[in-house]
Amino acid sequence: MSEPGIARPLLPERWSRATVTQSANRNLPDDDQAMVALAVEWIPLGGPKEEDIRARFGFGPMPFWHRICYLLTRPKWLKLLNAATITELQAQAMTQFNPPRRLTSAQQALR
């Protein structure tokens, strides 16, 4: 049993998206923690909007997603997030780096 006020470490299969924002992660930089928390919060909606990223961090989506991709390679973050969350964040980052192309009317006519 753990002492009152001391969080017990979660088993990997029980890690949730809420784990990122818990105060038990005191050894992680606040900006990194805030960035991952924002990205995880917006997973169901396809990622945070550019305005939200700029308002919270003062830079655009590309540096934000580059930092997220970097953090997802770090062992500390891999321990905090479950595999499904990591996969979804990586997929959203790749969408930002390689947005789907829109076909022009001329290209559509050729099909």
Protein backbone atom coordinates (compact mmCIF):
# COMPACT_ATOMS: atom_id res chain seq x y z
CA MET A 1 0.00 0.00 0.00
CA SER A 2 1.26 3.50 -0.70
CA GLU A 3 1.41 6.37 1.72
CA PRO A 4 -1.32 9.02 1.57
CA GLY A 5 -0.46 11.70 -0.97
CA ILE A 6 2.10 9.51 -2.77
CA ALA A 7 1.01 8.30 -6.18
CA ARG A 8 1.59 4.65 -6.95
CA PRO A 9 3.23 4.04 -10.34
CA LEU A 10 0.76 2.76 -12.91
CA LEU A 11 1.26 -0.44 -14.85
CA PRO A 12 1.90 0.15 -18.59
CA GLU A 13 -1.46 -1.27 -19.60
CA ARG A 14 -3.22 1.20 -17.29
CA TRP A 15 -1.48 4.38 -18.36
CA SER A 16 -3.93 6.90 -19.57
CA ARG A 17 -3.85 10.24 -21.28
CA ALA A 18 -4.33 11.95 -17.92
CA THR A 19 -0.95 10.65 -16.74
CA VAL A 20 0.83 13.45 -18.58
CA THR A 21 -0.60 16.20 -16.39
CA GLN A 22 -0.15 14.57 -13.00
CA SER A 23 2.12 16.36 -10.56
CA ALA A 24 4.12 13.13 -10.11
CA ASN A 25 6.02 14.10 -13.27
CA ARG A 26 8.01 16.82 -11.50
CA ASN A 27 11.23 15.80 -13.21
CA LEU A 28 9.93 16.69 -16.68
CA PRO A 29 10.22 20.25 -18.09
CA ASP A 30 7.00 22.24 -17.74
CA ASP A 31 6.91 23.33 -21.40
CA ASP A 32 7.37 19.78 -22.63
CA GLN A 33 4.71 18.55 -20.25
CA ALA A 34 2.30 21.28 -21.39
CA MET A 35 2.96 20.53 -25.06
CA VAL A 36 2.33 16.81 -24.71
CA ALA A 37 -0.74 17.45 -22.56
CA LEU A 38 -2.18 19.78 -25.24
CA ALA A 39 -1.45 17.30 -28.02
CA VAL A 40 -3.00 14.43 -26.06
CA GLU A 41 -6.04 16.50 -25.13
CA TRP A 42 -6.70 17.23 -28.79
CA ILE A 43 -6.21 13.65 -30.07
CA PRO A 44 -9.95 13.04 -30.67
CA LEU A 45 -10.18 16.26 -32.70
CA GLY A 46 -7.15 15.67 -34.93
CA GLY A 47 -4.66 17.80 -33.02
CA PRO A 48 -4.57 21.29 -31.57
CA LYS A 49 -5.42 24.27 -33.73
CA GLU A 50 -2.68 26.67 -34.78
CA GLU A 51 -4.24 29.48 -32.71
CA ASP A 52 -4.12 27.36 -29.54
CA ILE A 53 -0.48 26.46 -30.10
CA ARG A 54 0.50 30.08 -30.74
CA ALA A 55 -1.47 31.36 -27.74
CA ARG A 56 0.10 28.88 -25.31
CA PHE A 57 3.66 28.61 -26.59
CA GLY A 58 4.33 31.58 -28.86
CA PHE A 59 5.27 29.61 -31.97
CA GLY A 60 3.52 27.82 -34.80
CA PRO A 61 2.53 24.22 -35.40
CA MET A 62 5.73 23.03 -37.10
CA PRO A 63 8.04 23.63 -34.09
CA PHE A 64 5.30 22.24 -31.86
CA TRP A 65 5.03 18.97 -33.81
CA HIS A 66 8.81 18.69 -34.19
CA ARG A 67 9.13 18.91 -30.41
CA ILE A 68 6.33 16.35 -29.92
CA CYS A 69 8.10 13.93 -32.27
CA TYR A 70 11.36 14.43 -30.41
CA LEU A 71 9.70 13.88 -27.03
CA LEU A 72 8.11 10.66 -28.28
CA THR A 73 11.61 9.24 -28.74
CA ARG A 74 12.67 9.97 -25.16
CA PRO A 75 12.49 7.11 -22.64
CA LYS A 76 10.85 9.25 -19.93
CA TRP A 77 7.91 10.04 -22.21
CA LEU A 78 7.65 6.51 -23.55
CA LYS A 79 7.11 5.35 -19.97
CA LEU A 80 4.30 7.86 -19.41
CA LEU A 81 2.23 7.31 -22.54
CA ASN A 82 0.60 4.13 -23.77
CA ALA A 83 1.38 2.72 -27.22
CA ALA A 84 -1.96 3.78 -28.74
CA THR A 85 -1.46 7.39 -27.64
CA ILE A 86 2.10 7.46 -29.00
CA THR A 87 0.95 6.02 -32.33
CA GLU A 88 -1.87 8.56 -32.63
CA LEU A 89 0.42 11.50 -31.81
CA GLN A 90 2.96 10.30 -34.38
CA ALA A 91 0.22 9.97 -37.00
CA GLN A 92 -1.04 13.49 -36.28
CA ALA A 93 2.49 14.86 -36.50
CA MET A 94 3.04 13.16 -39.86
CA THR A 95 -0.21 14.70 -41.10
CA GLN A 96 1.15 18.13 -40.17
CA PHE A 97 4.45 17.48 -41.94
CA ASN A 98 2.82 15.91 -45.01
CA PRO A 99 -0.65 17.42 -45.35
CA PRO A 100 -2.97 15.72 -47.84
CA ARG A 101 -2.78 17.36 -51.23
CA ARG A 102 -5.81 19.01 -52.69
CA LEU A 103 -6.37 18.31 -56.33
CA THR A 104 -6.96 21.27 -58.61
CA SER A 105 -9.85 21.13 -61.02
CA ALA A 106 -7.37 20.40 -63.86
CA GLN A 107 -5.94 17.44 -61.96
CA GLN A 108 -9.41 16.12 -61.20
CA ALA A 109 -10.35 16.34 -64.89
CA LEU A 110 -7.39 14.10 -65.78
CA ARG A 111 -8.64 11.32 -63.52
